[in-house]
């Protein structure tokens, strides 16, 4: 099924309906998923840092500290995301 949905998204055929069905059945994306694939969570790190959950921008409260963002942003510089706690602590310290 995902190849058919991928083609529909690439060709802009019933995009809203296809995205809804993908979410409903929690279909896994193919490795070549188009930009319109309804990812549950999207993290944009090039340019301005932005997080989307189900297509909606995540708004950070005023209580979010610089270190909160540093933890999230540091993941993009640590390879495949499988870093040890000490590695993360060292990266944040300095």
Foldseek 3Di string as FASTA:
>chain_A
DQVVLQVCVVVVNPLVVSQVVCVVVVDDHDPPRDPSRQDQWDFDDPDDTWIDGRNHTDDDDPPDDPVNVVLVNVCVVPPPNPDDPVVSVVSSVD
